[in-house]
Amino acid sequence: MDQRKISTPLAIQTFISALAEEFQEEHLTPAMEFRSLDAWSSMQALLLIARVNEDFEVVLSEDDLRNCKTIEDLFQCVQNYQS
């Protein structure tokens, strides 16, 4: 998969698309709490960390995940690492 950089106005949608693919969910929004998704599990957390690393070249920590509540929080965390 192509390395994606989060830098354009549509970047949140790019990020959401990657998560939707990973979670096999069609309708994700920035305000959704990712832990409330049916697919969420400790294994899914590891897969999410790997996916973000692969797609956006950012390594999220367990603390990063713990401190994020919504998909937008995750997006902001990734963006902060890329700045």
C-alpha atoms as a PDB file:
ATOM      1  CA  MET A   1       0.000   0.000   0.000  1.00  0.00           C
ATOM      2  CA  ASP A   2       1.184   3.544  -0.717  1.00  0.00           C
ATOM      3  CA  GLN A   3       2.579   5.556   2.144  1.00  0.00           C
ATOM      4  CA  ARG A   4       0.026   8.248   2.953  1.00  0.00           C
ATOM      5  CA  LYS A   5       0.869  11.580   4.491  1.00  0.00           C
ATOM      6  CA  ILE A   6      -1.793  13.413   6.440  1.00  0.00           C
ATOM      7  CA  SER A   7      -1.536  16.984   5.197  1.00  0.00           C
ATOM      8  CA  THR A   8      -4.508  17.888   3.000  1.00  0.00           C
ATOM      9  CA  PRO A   9      -8.022  19.026   3.944  1.00  0.00           C
ATOM     10  CA  LEU A  10      -9.320  15.601   2.914  1.00  0.00           C
ATOM     11  CA  ALA A  11      -6.759  13.883   5.106  1.00  0.00           C
ATOM     12  CA  ILE A  12      -9.243  12.977   7.828  1.00  0.00           C
ATOM     13  CA  GLN A  13     -11.239  11.120   5.193  1.00  0.00           C
ATOM     14  CA  THR A  14      -8.098   9.283   4.067  1.00  0.00           C
ATOM     15  CA  PHE A  15      -7.457   8.301   7.672  1.00  0.00           C
ATOM     16  CA  ILE A  16     -11.061   7.204   8.201  1.00  0.00           C
ATOM     17  CA  SER A  17     -10.940   5.142   4.994  1.00  0.00           C
ATOM     18  CA  ALA A  18      -7.886   3.268   6.269  1.00  0.00           C
ATOM     19  CA  LEU A  19      -9.606   2.593   9.604  1.00  0.00           C
ATOM     20  CA  ALA A  20     -12.841   1.551   7.906  1.00  0.00           C
ATOM     21  CA  GLU A  21     -10.892  -0.986   5.890  1.00  0.00           C
ATOM     22  CA  GLU A  22      -9.050  -2.243   8.974  1.00  0.00           C
ATOM     23  CA  PHE A  23     -12.222  -2.513  11.086  1.00  0.00           C
ATOM     24  CA  GLN A  24     -14.317  -3.752   8.153  1.00  0.00           C
ATOM     25  CA  GLU A  25     -16.831  -0.986   8.899  1.00  0.00           C
ATOM     26  CA  GLU A  26     -18.520   1.106   6.235  1.00  0.00           C
ATOM     27  CA  HIS A  27     -19.732   4.121   8.173  1.00  0.00           C
ATOM     28  CA  LEU A  28     -17.119   5.626  10.440  1.00  0.00           C
ATOM     29  CA  THR A  29     -17.145   9.270  11.497  1.00  0.00           C
ATOM     30  CA  PRO A  30     -14.532  11.405  13.255  1.00  0.00           C
ATOM     31  CA  ALA A  31     -16.680  11.578  16.412  1.00  0.00           C
ATOM     32  CA  MET A  32     -17.075   7.797  16.769  1.00  0.00           C
ATOM     33  CA  GLU A  33     -15.484   6.147  19.775  1.00  0.00           C
ATOM     34  CA  PHE A  34     -13.353   3.455  18.157  1.00  0.00           C
ATOM     35  CA  ARG A  35     -13.450   1.198  21.226  1.00  0.00           C
ATOM     36  CA  SER A  36     -17.238   0.921  20.856  1.00  0.00           C
ATOM     37  CA  LEU A  37     -16.923  -0.749  17.441  1.00  0.00           C
ATOM     38  CA  ASP A  38     -17.963  -4.405  17.343  1.00  0.00           C
ATOM     39  CA  ALA A  39     -14.575  -5.345  15.910  1.00  0.00           C
ATOM     40  CA  TRP A  40     -12.598  -3.707  18.746  1.00  0.00           C
ATOM     41  CA  SER A  41     -10.369  -6.032  20.757  1.00  0.00           C
ATOM     42  CA  SER A  42      -6.826  -6.091  22.080  1.00  0.00           C
ATOM     43  CA  MET A  43      -5.813  -7.845  18.863  1.00  0.00           C
ATOM     44  CA  GLN A  44      -7.510  -5.118  16.834  1.00  0.00           C
ATOM     45  CA  ALA A  45      -5.538  -2.528  18.807  1.00  0.00           C
ATOM     46  CA  LEU A  46      -2.295  -4.174  17.691  1.00  0.00           C
ATOM     47  CA  LEU A  47      -3.533  -4.356  14.111  1.00  0.00           C
ATOM     48  CA  LEU A  48      -4.477  -0.677  14.252  1.00  0.00           C
ATOM     49  CA  ILE A  49      -0.988   0.254  15.476  1.00  0.00           C
ATOM     50  CA  ALA A  50       0.528  -1.771  12.623  1.00  0.00           C
ATOM     51  CA  ARG A  51      -1.830  -0.248  10.036  1.00  0.00           C
ATOM     52  CA  VAL A  52      -1.084   3.322  11.110  1.00  0.00           C
ATOM     53  CA  ASN A  53       2.632   2.528  10.990  1.00  0.00           C
ATOM     54  CA  GLU A  54       2.333   1.010   7.511  1.00  0.00           C
ATOM     55  CA  ASP A  55       0.080   3.661   5.982  1.00  0.00           C
ATOM     56  CA  PHE A  56       1.204   6.827   7.765  1.00  0.00           C
ATOM     57  CA  GLU A  57       4.727   6.017   9.045  1.00  0.00           C
ATOM     58  CA  VAL A  58       3.739   6.707  12.654  1.00  0.00           C
ATOM     59  CA  VAL A  59       4.208   4.291  15.536  1.00  0.00           C
ATOM     60  CA  LEU A  60       1.426   4.740  18.071  1.00  0.00           C
ATOM     61  CA  SER A  61       2.099   3.633  21.624  1.00  0.00           C
ATOM     62  CA  GLU A  62      -0.268   1.924  24.026  1.00  0.00           C
ATOM     63  CA  ASP A  63      -0.497   5.246  25.861  1.00  0.00           C
ATOM     64  CA  ASP A  64      -1.483   6.994  22.630  1.00  0.00           C
ATOM     65  CA  LEU A  65      -4.359   4.560  22.178  1.00  0.00           C
ATOM     66  CA  ARG A  66      -5.329   4.824  25.824  1.00  0.00           C
ATOM     67  CA  ASN A  67      -5.415   8.640  25.621  1.00  0.00           C
ATOM     68  CA  CYS A  68      -7.538   8.697  22.460  1.00  0.00           C
ATOM     69  CA  LYS A  69     -11.274   8.282  22.654  1.00  0.00           C
ATOM     70  CA  THR A  70     -12.549   9.052  19.157  1.00  0.00           C
ATOM     71  CA  ILE A  71     -11.335   8.471  15.626  1.00  0.00           C
ATOM     72  CA  GLU A  72     -10.618  12.196  15.416  1.00  0.00           C
ATOM     73  CA  ASP A  73      -8.433  11.916  18.535  1.00  0.00           C
ATOM     74  CA  LEU A  74      -6.445   9.181  16.787  1.00  0.00           C
ATOM     75  CA  PHE A  75      -6.179  11.336  13.670  1.00  0.00           C
ATOM     76  CA  GLN A  76      -4.882  14.283  15.716  1.00  0.00           C
ATOM     77  CA  CYS A  77      -2.359  12.036  17.453  1.00  0.00           C
ATOM     78  CA  VAL A  78      -1.031  10.782  14.112  1.00  0.00           C
ATOM     79  CA  GLN A  79      -0.937  14.338  12.770  1.00  0.00           C
ATOM     80  CA  ASN A  80       1.039  15.492  15.818  1.00  0.00           C
ATOM     81  CA  TYR A  81       3.676  12.829  15.183  1.00  0.00           C
ATOM     82  CA  GLN A  82       3.933  13.864  11.536  1.00  0.00           C
ATOM     83  CA  SER A  83       4.475  17.562  12.353  1.00  0.00           C
END
